[in-house]
N, C-alpha and C. Protein backbone atom coordinates (compact mmCIF):
# COMPACT_ATOMS: atom_id res chain seq x y z
N MET A 1 1.50 -1.50 19.00
CA MET A 1 1.14 -2.14 17.75
C MET A 1 2.51 -2.12 17.18
N GLN A 2 3.13 -2.82 16.48
CA GLN A 2 4.55 -2.94 15.72
C GLN A 2 4.20 -3.68 14.32
N ILE A 3 4.49 -2.80 13.29
CA ILE A 3 4.16 -3.26 11.97
C ILE A 3 5.19 -4.04 11.48
N GLN A 4 5.18 -5.51 11.53
CA GLN A 4 6.41 -6.57 11.52
C GLN A 4 6.24 -6.85 10.19
N ALA A 5 5.24 -6.53 9.48
CA ALA A 5 5.70 -6.94 7.71
C ALA A 5 5.08 -5.60 6.84
N LEU A 6 5.52 -5.62 5.90
CA LEU A 6 5.13 -4.54 4.96
C LEU A 6 4.61 -4.95 3.40
N GLY A 7 3.43 -4.86 3.12
CA GLY A 7 3.23 -5.36 1.87
C GLY A 7 2.94 -3.96 0.91
N ILE A 8 3.62 -4.26 -0.08
CA ILE A 8 3.65 -3.32 -1.12
C ILE A 8 2.76 -3.72 -2.44
N VAL A 9 1.86 -2.78 -2.68
CA VAL A 9 0.82 -3.15 -3.75
C VAL A 9 1.28 -2.57 -5.11
N THR A 10 1.59 -3.45 -5.83
CA THR A 10 2.53 -2.87 -7.16
C THR A 10 1.73 -2.71 -8.61
N GLU A 11 0.30 -3.17 -8.28
CA GLU A 11 -0.57 -3.23 -9.68
C GLU A 11 -1.81 -2.78 -9.17
N SER A 12 -2.50 -2.35 -10.16
CA SER A 12 -4.04 -2.09 -10.10
C SER A 12 -4.70 -2.59 -11.30
N SER A 13 -6.11 -2.55 -10.92
CA SER A 13 -6.90 -3.45 -12.22
C SER A 13 -6.69 -2.49 -13.48
N THR A 14 -6.15 -1.28 -13.46
CA THR A 14 -6.18 -0.43 -14.52
C THR A 14 -4.79 0.22 -14.61
N GLN A 15 -4.24 0.15 -15.52
CA GLN A 15 -2.68 1.17 -15.76
C GLN A 15 -2.79 2.55 -16.41
N ARG A 16 -3.35 3.42 -15.40
CA ARG A 16 -3.63 4.90 -15.69
C ARG A 16 -2.64 5.43 -16.66
N LEU A 17 -1.36 5.11 -16.13
CA LEU A 17 -0.21 6.05 -16.79
C LEU A 17 0.29 4.87 -17.93
N GLY A 18 -0.27 4.18 -18.57
CA GLY A 18 0.14 3.56 -19.58
C GLY A 18 1.08 2.22 -19.09
N MET A 19 1.47 2.03 -17.78
CA MET A 19 2.33 1.08 -17.46
C MET A 19 2.06 0.90 -16.03
N ASN A 20 2.68 -0.09 -15.39
CA ASN A 20 2.63 -0.47 -13.95
C ASN A 20 3.18 1.07 -13.13
N ASP A 21 2.54 1.26 -12.26
CA ASP A 21 3.25 2.36 -11.47
C ASP A 21 4.45 1.90 -10.67
N ALA A 22 4.62 0.55 -10.35
CA ALA A 22 5.80 0.28 -9.62
C ALA A 22 7.02 0.51 -10.43
N LEU A 23 6.88 0.37 -11.91
CA LEU A 23 8.24 0.45 -12.32
C LEU A 23 8.29 1.87 -13.05
N LEU A 24 7.56 2.83 -12.55
CA LEU A 24 8.09 4.16 -12.84
C LEU A 24 9.43 4.57 -12.32
N PRO A 25 10.62 5.12 -13.14
CA PRO A 25 11.81 5.65 -12.52
C PRO A 25 11.65 6.89 -11.72
N TYR A 26 12.43 6.90 -10.95
CA TYR A 26 12.82 8.05 -9.77
C TYR A 26 14.00 7.89 -9.32
N ARG A 27 14.94 8.69 -9.73
CA ARG A 27 16.22 8.72 -9.55
C ARG A 27 17.20 7.76 -9.26
N GLY A 28 16.87 7.07 -10.71
CA GLY A 28 17.77 5.80 -11.07
C GLY A 28 17.28 4.48 -10.49
N LYS A 29 16.16 4.45 -9.95
CA LYS A 29 15.27 3.03 -9.33
C LYS A 29 13.82 3.20 -9.60
N THR A 30 13.24 2.02 -9.62
CA THR A 30 11.65 2.20 -9.78
C THR A 30 11.21 2.51 -8.63
N LEU A 31 9.80 2.70 -8.61
CA LEU A 31 9.18 3.07 -7.48
C LEU A 31 9.16 1.91 -6.19
N VAL A 32 9.06 0.57 -7.11
CA VAL A 32 8.94 -0.40 -6.00
C VAL A 32 10.51 -0.57 -5.22
N GLU A 33 11.21 -0.26 -6.00
CA GLU A 33 12.68 -0.46 -5.53
C GLU A 33 12.88 0.58 -4.49
N ARG A 34 12.63 1.50 -4.59
CA ARG A 34 12.68 2.68 -3.64
C ARG A 34 11.95 2.50 -2.48
N ILE A 35 10.87 1.98 -2.54
CA ILE A 35 9.80 1.50 -1.19
C ILE A 35 10.88 0.34 -0.49
N ILE A 36 11.15 -0.44 -1.19
CA ILE A 36 12.04 -1.79 -0.52
C ILE A 36 13.29 -0.81 0.09
N ASN A 37 14.20 -0.10 -0.50
CA ASN A 37 15.43 0.22 0.09
C ASN A 37 15.08 1.05 1.07
N ASP A 38 13.84 1.70 1.15
CA ASP A 38 13.67 2.79 2.38
C ASP A 38 13.29 1.86 3.52
N ALA A 39 12.69 1.00 3.59
CA ALA A 39 11.96 0.13 4.58
C ALA A 39 12.97 -0.45 5.70
N SER A 40 12.64 -0.43 6.76
CA SER A 40 13.38 -0.98 7.84
C SER A 40 13.98 -2.26 7.68
N LYS A 41 15.11 -2.74 7.85
CA LYS A 41 15.60 -4.12 7.83
C LYS A 41 14.89 -5.33 8.77
N ASP A 42 14.16 -4.30 9.77
CA ASP A 42 13.56 -5.31 10.82
C ASP A 42 12.03 -5.59 10.29
N ARG A 43 11.44 -4.99 9.08
CA ARG A 43 10.46 -5.10 8.70
C ARG A 43 10.50 -6.08 7.47
N THR A 44 9.79 -7.29 7.78
CA THR A 44 9.46 -8.47 6.54
C THR A 44 8.60 -7.71 5.46
N LEU A 45 9.29 -7.74 4.31
CA LEU A 45 8.74 -7.02 3.09
C LEU A 45 8.22 -8.11 2.06
N VAL A 46 6.95 -7.83 1.60
CA VAL A 46 6.19 -8.49 0.74
C VAL A 46 5.65 -7.95 -0.28
N VAL A 47 5.96 -8.49 -1.61
CA VAL A 47 5.50 -7.49 -2.94
C VAL A 47 4.19 -8.11 -3.47
N HIS A 48 3.10 -7.45 -3.78
CA HIS A 48 2.00 -7.97 -4.11
C HIS A 48 2.22 -7.94 -5.73
N GLY A 49 2.80 -8.64 -6.46
CA GLY A 49 3.35 -8.38 -7.75
C GLY A 49 2.62 -9.27 -8.73
N CYS A 50 3.30 -9.07 -9.94
CA CYS A 50 2.72 -9.96 -11.01
C CYS A 50 4.24 -10.25 -11.71
N ASN A 51 3.87 -11.26 -13.04
CA ASN A 51 5.10 -11.84 -13.64
C ASN A 51 6.18 -10.58 -13.98
N GLN A 52 5.63 -9.51 -14.47
CA GLN A 52 6.26 -8.52 -15.23
C GLN A 52 7.44 -7.92 -14.19
N LEU A 53 7.09 -7.84 -13.11
CA LEU A 53 7.86 -7.32 -11.82
C LEU A 53 8.91 -8.16 -11.83
N GLN A 54 8.90 -9.56 -11.68
CA GLN A 54 10.01 -10.58 -11.64
C GLN A 54 10.96 -10.46 -12.48
N LYS A 55 10.14 -10.34 -13.89
CA LYS A 55 11.00 -10.23 -14.96
C LYS A 55 11.66 -8.98 -15.12
N THR A 56 11.09 -7.78 -14.61
CA THR A 56 12.16 -6.50 -14.70
C THR A 56 12.75 -6.22 -13.40
N ILE A 57 12.37 -6.67 -12.42
CA ILE A 57 13.44 -6.78 -11.21
C ILE A 57 13.72 -7.92 -10.72
N PRO A 58 14.55 -8.71 -11.05
CA PRO A 58 14.74 -10.21 -10.60
C PRO A 58 15.10 -10.23 -9.21
N SER A 59 15.63 -9.30 -8.40
CA SER A 59 16.06 -9.14 -7.14
C SER A 59 14.96 -9.52 -6.25
N ILE A 60 13.52 -8.98 -6.54
CA ILE A 60 12.51 -9.10 -5.62
C ILE A 60 11.51 -10.59 -5.85
N LYS A 61 12.16 -11.24 -6.52
CA LYS A 61 11.42 -12.60 -6.90
C LYS A 61 11.06 -13.31 -5.38
N HIS A 62 11.95 -13.27 -4.40
CA HIS A 62 11.76 -13.74 -3.32
C HIS A 62 10.43 -13.31 -2.40
N LYS A 63 10.28 -12.11 -3.00
CA LYS A 63 9.54 -11.40 -2.07
C LYS A 63 7.92 -11.37 -2.75
N LEU A 64 7.73 -11.86 -4.01
CA LEU A 64 6.50 -11.88 -4.40
C LEU A 64 5.58 -12.53 -3.93
N VAL A 65 4.18 -12.06 -3.64
CA VAL A 65 3.24 -13.07 -3.28
C VAL A 65 2.28 -12.85 -4.45
N ARG A 66 1.73 -14.13 -4.90
CA ARG A 66 0.76 -14.20 -5.97
C ARG A 66 -0.51 -13.97 -5.28
N GLY A 67 -1.36 -12.86 -5.99
CA GLY A 67 -2.55 -12.51 -5.38
C GLY A 67 -3.70 -13.09 -6.28
N THR A 68 -4.75 -13.21 -5.43
CA THR A 68 -6.05 -13.96 -6.06
C THR A 68 -6.70 -13.65 -7.06
N LEU A 69 -6.39 -12.05 -7.40
CA LEU A 69 -6.71 -11.44 -8.65
C LEU A 69 -5.90 -10.82 -9.61
N GLN A 70 -4.42 -11.51 -9.49
CA GLN A 70 -3.69 -11.05 -10.07
C GLN A 70 -4.03 -11.36 -11.93
N ASN A 71 -3.47 -10.05 -12.59
CA ASN A 71 -3.84 -10.36 -13.91
C ASN A 71 -5.14 -10.24 -14.50
N ASN A 72 -6.05 -9.90 -13.34
CA ASN A 72 -7.66 -9.72 -13.75
C ASN A 72 -8.03 -8.30 -13.79
N SER A 73 -8.24 -7.95 -15.24
CA SER A 73 -8.54 -6.73 -15.37
C SER A 73 -10.01 -6.62 -15.44
N ASP A 74 -10.82 -7.43 -15.10
CA ASP A 74 -12.14 -7.08 -14.89
C ASP A 74 -12.65 -6.47 -13.96
N GLN A 75 -11.92 -6.43 -12.74
CA GLN A 75 -12.22 -5.97 -11.23
C GLN A 75 -12.19 -4.26 -11.57
N SER A 76 -13.11 -3.70 -10.66
CA SER A 76 -12.80 -2.08 -10.66
C SER A 76 -11.46 -1.99 -9.61
N GLU A 77 -11.08 -0.95 -9.49
CA GLU A 77 -10.02 -0.11 -8.83
C GLU A 77 -10.07 -0.58 -7.28
N SER A 78 -11.26 -0.33 -6.76
CA SER A 78 -11.57 -0.54 -5.36
C SER A 78 -11.61 -2.00 -4.91
N SER A 79 -12.48 -2.58 -5.83
CA SER A 79 -12.49 -4.24 -5.51
C SER A 79 -10.88 -4.72 -5.61
N TYR A 80 -10.22 -4.70 -6.64
CA TYR A 80 -8.86 -4.99 -6.48
C TYR A 80 -8.20 -4.74 -5.51
N ALA A 81 -8.32 -3.31 -4.89
CA ALA A 81 -7.66 -3.07 -3.69
C ALA A 81 -7.93 -3.96 -2.52
N LEU A 82 -9.20 -4.15 -2.07
CA LEU A 82 -9.68 -4.95 -1.05
C LEU A 82 -9.26 -6.40 -1.45
N HIS A 83 -8.88 -6.80 -2.37
CA HIS A 83 -8.51 -8.21 -2.69
C HIS A 83 -6.93 -8.28 -2.43
N CYS A 84 -6.11 -7.18 -2.74
CA CYS A 84 -4.80 -6.71 -2.24
C CYS A 84 -4.54 -6.99 -1.19
N VAL A 85 -5.46 -6.39 -0.30
CA VAL A 85 -5.35 -6.26 1.44
C VAL A 85 -5.55 -7.62 1.83
N TYR A 86 -6.68 -8.49 1.53
CA TYR A 86 -6.81 -9.60 1.90
C TYR A 86 -5.92 -10.54 1.67
N ASP A 87 -5.00 -10.66 0.38
CA ASP A 87 -4.21 -11.55 0.37
C ASP A 87 -2.82 -11.15 0.95
N LEU A 88 -2.56 -9.94 1.19
CA LEU A 88 -1.57 -9.57 2.40
C LEU A 88 -1.74 -10.21 3.64
N LEU A 89 -2.95 -10.07 4.01
CA LEU A 89 -3.50 -10.50 5.41
C LEU A 89 -2.87 -11.92 5.45
N GLN A 90 -3.39 -12.55 4.51
CA GLN A 90 -3.34 -14.15 4.58
C GLN A 90 -1.89 -14.40 4.66
N TYR A 91 -1.06 -13.76 3.89
CA TYR A 91 0.36 -13.81 4.04
C TYR A 91 0.87 -13.51 5.39
N ALA A 92 0.50 -12.59 5.91
CA ALA A 92 0.68 -12.19 7.37
C ALA A 92 0.54 -13.25 8.50
N LYS A 93 -0.82 -13.49 8.26
CA LYS A 93 -1.20 -14.80 9.10
C LYS A 93 -0.37 -15.81 9.00
N LYS A 94 -0.09 -16.37 7.70
CA LYS A 94 0.77 -17.42 7.53
C LYS A 94 1.97 -17.52 8.43
N ASN A 95 2.49 -16.44 8.18
CA ASN A 95 3.98 -16.10 8.50
C ASN A 95 3.98 -15.35 10.08
N GLU A 96 2.66 -15.93 10.87
CA GLU A 96 2.68 -15.56 12.12
C GLU A 96 2.89 -14.00 12.57
N HIS A 97 2.60 -13.07 11.41
CA HIS A 97 2.48 -11.50 12.01
C HIS A 97 1.08 -11.31 12.24
N GLU A 98 0.88 -10.36 13.36
CA GLU A 98 -0.27 -9.94 13.75
C GLU A 98 -0.85 -8.75 12.84
N TRP A 99 0.07 -7.87 12.38
CA TRP A 99 -0.23 -6.71 11.81
C TRP A 99 0.69 -6.69 10.42
N ILE A 100 0.28 -5.98 9.43
CA ILE A 100 0.92 -5.81 8.30
C ILE A 100 0.53 -4.39 7.65
N GLY A 101 1.63 -3.67 7.30
CA GLY A 101 1.49 -2.38 6.37
C GLY A 101 1.23 -2.62 5.23
N VAL A 102 0.54 -1.57 4.61
CA VAL A 102 0.11 -1.70 3.26
C VAL A 102 0.56 -0.41 2.76
N ILE A 103 1.24 -0.46 1.63
CA ILE A 103 1.46 0.56 0.77
C ILE A 103 1.59 0.52 -0.43
N GLN A 104 0.85 1.58 -1.34
CA GLN A 104 0.64 1.58 -2.66
C GLN A 104 1.90 2.17 -3.36
N CYS A 105 2.35 1.61 -4.51
CA CYS A 105 3.54 2.62 -5.36
C CYS A 105 3.23 3.73 -5.75
N CYS A 106 2.09 4.25 -6.10
CA CYS A 106 1.98 5.69 -6.72
C CYS A 106 1.73 6.65 -5.68
N ASN A 107 3.25 6.77 -5.21
CA ASN A 107 3.50 8.06 -4.16
C ASN A 107 4.96 7.99 -4.05
N LEU A 108 5.55 9.25 -3.58
CA LEU A 108 6.81 9.38 -3.51
C LEU A 108 7.18 9.49 -1.78
N LEU A 109 6.51 9.16 -0.91
CA LEU A 109 6.73 9.25 0.20
C LEU A 109 7.75 7.95 0.71
N LYS A 110 8.42 8.25 2.01
CA LYS A 110 9.15 7.32 2.58
C LYS A 110 8.41 6.42 3.10
N SER A 111 8.56 5.04 2.88
CA SER A 111 7.75 4.06 3.44
C SER A 111 8.07 3.98 5.13
N GLU A 112 9.13 4.15 5.42
CA GLU A 112 9.77 4.03 6.69
C GLU A 112 9.18 5.15 7.49
N ASP A 113 8.89 6.32 7.01
CA ASP A 113 8.30 7.47 7.71
C ASP A 113 6.38 7.07 8.09
N LEU A 114 6.19 6.57 6.81
CA LEU A 114 4.54 6.03 7.18
C LEU A 114 4.59 5.17 8.21
N CYS A 115 5.40 4.04 8.25
CA CYS A 115 5.13 2.98 9.06
C CYS A 115 5.41 3.53 10.46
N THR A 116 6.40 4.52 10.88
CA THR A 116 6.78 4.96 11.80
C THR A 116 5.32 5.90 12.61
N ALA A 117 4.92 6.65 11.79
CA ALA A 117 3.77 7.32 12.14
C ALA A 117 2.64 6.59 12.39
N LEU A 118 2.13 5.59 11.39
CA LEU A 118 1.23 4.84 12.08
C LEU A 118 1.55 4.22 13.40
N GLU A 119 2.56 3.75 13.68
CA GLU A 119 2.75 2.99 14.85
C GLU A 119 2.80 4.02 15.86
N GLU A 120 3.35 4.94 15.85
CA GLU A 120 2.94 6.24 16.88
C GLU A 120 1.57 6.62 17.06
N CYS A 121 0.80 6.55 15.99
CA CYS A 121 -0.78 6.98 16.17
C CYS A 121 -1.38 6.00 17.06
N SER A 122 -0.85 4.82 16.61
CA SER A 122 -1.57 3.36 17.29
C SER A 122 -1.67 3.45 18.57
N ASN A 123 -0.49 3.98 19.21
CA ASN A 123 -0.05 3.97 20.65
C ASN A 123 -0.77 5.10 21.32
N GLU A 124 -1.66 6.01 20.57
CA GLU A 124 -2.23 7.21 21.17
C GLU A 124 -3.42 6.89 21.00
N LYS A 125 -4.31 6.40 20.01
CA LYS A 125 -5.35 6.10 19.88
C LYS A 125 -6.45 4.77 20.54
N VAL A 126 -7.70 5.03 20.25
CA VAL A 126 -8.34 3.93 20.79
C VAL A 126 -7.82 2.54 20.10
N ASP A 127 -8.26 1.51 20.66
CA ASP A 127 -7.94 0.38 20.20
C ASP A 127 -8.54 0.01 18.73
N SER A 128 -7.78 -0.25 17.61
CA SER A 128 -8.46 -0.62 16.43
C SER A 128 -7.74 -1.61 15.64
N LYS A 129 -8.25 -1.99 14.76
CA LYS A 129 -7.65 -3.18 13.94
C LYS A 129 -7.03 -2.62 12.34
N ILE A 130 -7.46 -1.32 12.22
CA ILE A 130 -7.22 -0.72 11.03
C ILE A 130 -6.65 0.75 11.25
N TYR A 131 -5.57 1.35 10.74
CA TYR A 131 -5.33 2.63 10.74
C TYR A 131 -4.61 3.03 9.20
N TYR A 132 -5.42 3.97 8.81
CA TYR A 132 -4.98 4.48 7.65
C TYR A 132 -4.99 6.06 7.37
N PHE A 133 -3.98 6.37 6.55
CA PHE A 133 -3.91 7.84 6.29
C PHE A 133 -5.05 8.49 5.53
N THR A 134 -5.33 9.75 6.01
CA THR A 134 -6.37 10.57 4.96
C THR A 134 -5.75 12.02 5.12
N GLY A 135 -6.27 12.85 3.92
CA GLY A 135 -5.89 13.92 3.86
C GLY A 135 -6.83 14.48 3.12
N GLU A 136 -6.47 15.22 1.94
CA GLU A 136 -7.37 15.86 0.69
C GLU A 136 -8.37 14.68 0.21
N LYS A 137 -7.69 13.45 0.30
CA LYS A 137 -8.37 12.19 -0.06
C LYS A 137 -8.01 11.37 0.99
N LYS A 138 -8.89 10.17 1.09
CA LYS A 138 -8.53 8.89 1.98
C LYS A 138 -7.85 7.91 0.94
N TYR A 139 -6.69 7.45 1.88
CA TYR A 139 -5.54 6.39 1.57
C TYR A 139 -5.74 5.39 2.21
N PRO A 140 -6.84 4.27 1.96
CA PRO A 140 -6.71 2.77 2.42
C PRO A 140 -5.43 1.96 2.08
N LEU A 141 -4.84 2.40 1.13
CA LEU A 141 -3.66 1.64 0.46
C LEU A 141 -2.50 2.31 1.03
N LEU A 142 -2.56 3.24 2.25
CA LEU A 142 -1.52 3.70 3.14
C LEU A 142 -2.08 3.71 4.48
N GLY A 143 -1.81 2.13 5.09
CA GLY A 143 -2.02 2.16 6.16
C GLY A 143 -1.84 0.66 6.83
N VAL A 144 -2.36 0.26 8.04
CA VAL A 144 -1.88 -0.87 8.65
C VAL A 144 -3.16 -1.79 9.08
N TYR A 145 -3.33 -3.00 8.89
CA TYR A 145 -4.20 -4.04 8.87
C TYR A 145 -3.87 -4.91 9.95
N HIS A 146 -4.78 -5.61 10.75
CA HIS A 146 -4.58 -6.59 11.87
C HIS A 146 -5.24 -7.71 11.21
N ILE A 147 -4.67 -8.90 11.52
CA ILE A 147 -5.17 -10.32 10.73
C ILE A 147 -6.68 -10.60 11.31
N ASP A 148 -7.14 -10.01 12.32
CA ASP A 148 -8.57 -10.41 12.63
C ASP A 148 -9.58 -9.77 11.69
N MET A 149 -8.89 -8.95 10.76
CA MET A 149 -9.85 -8.58 9.70
C MET A 149 -10.03 -9.54 8.31
N ILE A 150 -9.38 -10.48 8.35
CA ILE A 150 -9.60 -11.56 7.37
C ILE A 150 -10.99 -12.30 7.17
N SER A 151 -11.46 -12.53 8.40
CA SER A 151 -12.65 -13.04 8.37
C SER A 151 -13.87 -11.88 7.89
N LYS A 152 -13.49 -10.99 8.21
CA LYS A 152 -14.63 -9.79 7.86
C LYS A 152 -14.54 -9.49 6.35
N ILE A 153 -13.29 -9.47 5.84
CA ILE A 153 -13.06 -9.42 4.55
C ILE A 153 -13.85 -10.57 3.75
N GLU A 154 -13.53 -11.55 4.31
CA GLU A 154 -14.15 -12.81 3.66
C GLU A 154 -15.80 -12.62 3.51
N VAL A 155 -16.28 -12.24 4.49
CA VAL A 155 -17.95 -11.77 4.77
C VAL A 155 -18.10 -11.09 3.56
N VAL A 156 -17.36 -9.91 3.27
CA VAL A 156 -17.82 -8.80 2.36
C VAL A 156 -17.28 -9.73 0.93
N LEU A 157 -16.51 -10.10 0.74
CA LEU A 157 -16.25 -10.49 -0.68
C LEU A 157 -17.28 -11.71 -0.95
N LYS A 158 -17.89 -12.48 0.02
CA LYS A 158 -18.80 -13.54 -0.41
C LYS A 158 -20.33 -12.45 -0.78
N SER A 159 -20.25 -11.33 -0.22
CA SER A 159 -21.59 -10.83 -0.58
C SER A 159 -21.38 -9.69 -1.92
N HIS A 160 -20.13 -9.89 -2.69
CA HIS A 160 -19.96 -9.12 -3.72
C HIS A 160 -19.98 -7.70 -3.67
N GLU A 161 -19.80 -7.20 -2.47
CA GLU A 161 -19.51 -5.66 -1.99
C GLU A 161 -18.16 -5.32 -1.79
N SER A 162 -17.25 -5.46 -2.71
CA SER A 162 -15.96 -5.49 -2.56
C SER A 162 -15.29 -4.24 -2.55
N CYS A 163 -15.60 -2.97 -2.10
CA CYS A 163 -15.14 -1.78 -2.19
C CYS A 163 -14.04 -1.49 -0.94
N LEU A 164 -12.96 -1.41 -1.02
CA LEU A 164 -12.02 -1.32 0.15
C LEU A 164 -12.33 -0.07 1.03
N GLN A 165 -12.57 1.11 0.43
CA GLN A 165 -12.83 2.03 1.05
C GLN A 165 -14.28 2.12 1.91
N THR A 166 -15.32 1.24 1.46
CA THR A 166 -16.64 0.89 1.93
C THR A 166 -16.43 -0.08 3.16
N PHE A 167 -15.58 -0.88 2.93
CA PHE A 167 -15.35 -2.06 3.90
C PHE A 167 -14.39 -1.12 5.25
N VAL A 168 -13.44 -0.28 5.01
CA VAL A 168 -12.90 0.49 5.99
C VAL A 168 -13.59 1.14 6.55
N ASN A 169 -14.96 1.92 6.05
CA ASN A 169 -15.45 2.90 6.71
C ASN A 169 -16.36 2.31 7.39
N ASN A 170 -16.85 0.70 7.08
CA ASN A 170 -17.63 0.21 8.21
C ASN A 170 -17.12 -0.27 9.51
N GLN A 171 -16.07 -0.47 9.50
CA GLN A 171 -15.16 -1.12 10.58
C GLN A 171 -14.71 0.21 11.71
N SER A 172 -14.21 -0.30 12.78
CA SER A 172 -13.94 0.64 13.81
C SER A 172 -12.38 1.25 13.52
N SER A 173 -12.42 2.02 12.25
CA SER A 173 -11.10 2.06 11.87
C SER A 173 -10.53 3.47 12.48
N VAL A 174 -9.19 3.83 12.32
CA VAL A 174 -8.72 4.82 12.70
C VAL A 174 -8.15 5.84 11.62
N GLU A 175 -8.84 7.01 11.35
CA GLU A 175 -8.18 7.86 10.12
C GLU A 175 -7.07 8.92 10.63
N VAL A 176 -5.85 8.37 10.37
CA VAL A 176 -4.57 9.16 10.62
C VAL A 176 -4.32 10.43 9.74
N SER A 177 -4.24 11.67 10.35
CA SER A 177 -3.92 12.64 9.41
C SER A 177 -2.64 12.73 8.75
N LEU A 178 -3.01 12.83 7.46
CA LEU A 178 -1.67 12.96 6.71
C LEU A 178 -0.90 14.28 6.62
N PRO A 179 0.43 14.46 7.20
CA PRO A 179 0.76 15.72 7.59
C PRO A 179 0.85 16.49 6.03
N ALA A 180 0.31 17.59 6.10
CA ALA A 180 0.16 18.53 5.00
C ALA A 180 1.28 18.58 4.06
N LYS A 181 2.43 18.55 4.48
CA LYS A 181 3.72 18.51 3.71
C LYS A 181 3.83 17.34 3.02
N TRP A 182 3.10 16.27 3.25
CA TRP A 182 3.29 15.12 2.51
C TRP A 182 2.02 15.08 1.00
N GLU A 183 1.20 15.72 1.48
CA GLU A 183 0.19 15.78 0.53
C GLU A 183 0.57 15.74 -1.04
N GLY A 184 1.62 16.58 -1.08
CA GLY A 184 2.23 16.84 -2.63
C GLY A 184 2.88 15.51 -2.85
N LEU A 185 3.41 14.59 -2.25
CA LEU A 185 3.85 13.44 -2.54
C LEU A 185 2.90 12.03 -2.68
N CYS A 186 1.82 12.40 -2.70
CA CYS A 186 0.54 11.30 -2.82
C CYS A 186 0.06 11.43 -3.77
N SER A 187 -0.13 10.11 -4.71
CA SER A 187 -0.90 9.83 -5.64
C SER A 187 -0.84 10.68 -6.82
N PHE A 188 -0.97 9.72 -8.04
CA PHE A 188 -0.83 10.37 -9.37
C PHE A 188 -1.79 9.69 -10.44
N ASN A 189 -2.25 10.38 -11.30
CA ASN A 189 -3.36 9.71 -12.21
C ASN A 189 -2.81 9.92 -13.57
N SER A 190 -1.82 10.80 -13.65
CA SER A 190 -1.56 10.77 -15.31
C SER A 190 0.15 11.20 -15.07
N MET A 191 0.62 11.02 -16.31
CA MET A 191 2.25 11.18 -16.25
C MET A 191 2.54 12.70 -15.92
N ALA A 192 1.68 13.44 -16.54
CA ALA A 192 1.59 15.08 -15.93
C ALA A 192 1.88 15.11 -14.46
N GLU A 193 0.99 14.47 -13.93
CA GLU A 193 0.45 14.45 -12.46
C GLU A 193 1.97 13.91 -11.59
N TYR A 194 2.45 13.01 -12.24
CA TYR A 194 3.70 12.33 -11.73
C TYR A 194 4.95 13.10 -12.00
N SER A 195 5.07 13.82 -12.89
CA SER A 195 6.05 14.85 -13.15
C SER A 195 5.85 15.90 -12.16
N ALA A 196 4.96 16.50 -11.71
CA ALA A 196 4.56 17.67 -10.85
C ALA A 196 5.04 16.97 -9.31
N VAL A 197 4.46 15.54 -9.05
CA VAL A 197 4.89 15.11 -8.00
C VAL A 197 6.50 14.72 -7.77
N CYS A 198 7.08 14.66 -8.92
CA CYS A 198 8.66 14.42 -8.80
C CYS A 198 9.30 15.74 -8.66
N ASN A 199 8.86 16.81 -9.06
CA ASN A 199 9.41 18.09 -9.10
C ASN A 199 8.91 18.58 -7.54
N TYR A 200 8.05 18.21 -6.97
CA TYR A 200 8.02 18.64 -5.44
C TYR A 200 8.68 17.96 -4.56
N ALA A 201 8.88 16.51 -4.93
CA ALA A 201 9.79 15.85 -4.13
C ALA A 201 11.15 16.20 -4.06
N GLN A 202 11.55 16.65 -5.22
CA GLN A 202 13.04 17.07 -5.28
C GLN A 202 13.17 18.51 -4.29
N LYS A 203 12.34 19.14 -4.54
CA LYS A 203 12.01 20.42 -3.34
C LYS A 203 12.22 19.93 -1.86
N PHE A 204 11.24 19.01 -1.58
CA PHE A 204 10.69 18.62 -0.47
C PHE A 204 12.03 17.81 0.27
N TYR A 205 12.64 16.93 -0.43
CA TYR A 205 13.91 16.45 0.16
C TYR A 205 15.10 16.89 0.42
N SER A 206 15.11 18.14 -0.33
CA SER A 206 16.24 19.13 0.05
C SER A 206 16.26 20.06 0.79
N MET A 207 15.11 20.18 1.56
CA MET A 207 14.98 20.87 2.75
C MET A 207 15.73 20.66 3.91
C-alpha cells in the first residue's frame, strides 16, 4: 500500500482549547503548517478546513476541502470525525487515489514518520482497507483508509450511527502499535496538556 494523499483534519465539533487546534503555535509555525511542511513532496496534501484557516494561513487556500459538516457545532466529536474521513475519501476517489492518510492536528508527531510506519505495516499484515494507530488510546484519525470504505460509511451515516471508532471496530481494520516514545506527542485536551506535549517534544526531537 502506498499513501498517495494525506488528509489533514484541522477542526472538530468542539474547540476544547478555546481555539482551533490547527492554529496553535509551535516553533514559529501553526500545527497545520508543521504537518504540511513535514510531509513528503510526493504526497498530495489536502486540508479538511474552514474559512478561518484560509484567512489565517492564505497559503493553504489551494489545499482546502469543504467538508459536509463544516461549521456544524451540533455534531458529536466522533460523528464529526467520521464525516471528515468520508469527505477525504471522496476527495481521494475524485482524484484517483486508492488510499488516503488521515492525520488530526492535535499532536506533535511528524506526519512523514506516521505515513512511513503505516506503509511498512501494511506490507507485513493481512490485507485490510483500514490501518490506524493505537497506544494508550485508539487514534482512528491517525491512520490510512481505502476508497472502498466510502460505500460502507454511507450505510452507517444513513443509519444515524456515526461514531468513527465504532465504524472502524466493525471493519477488518488493522491496529498498528504506536511506538511508546511517540505516546507523549499525541493528543491534548487543554492548554496545560499542550504545554506538557510541547515540553516533551523539545526533549524528544533533541535526542
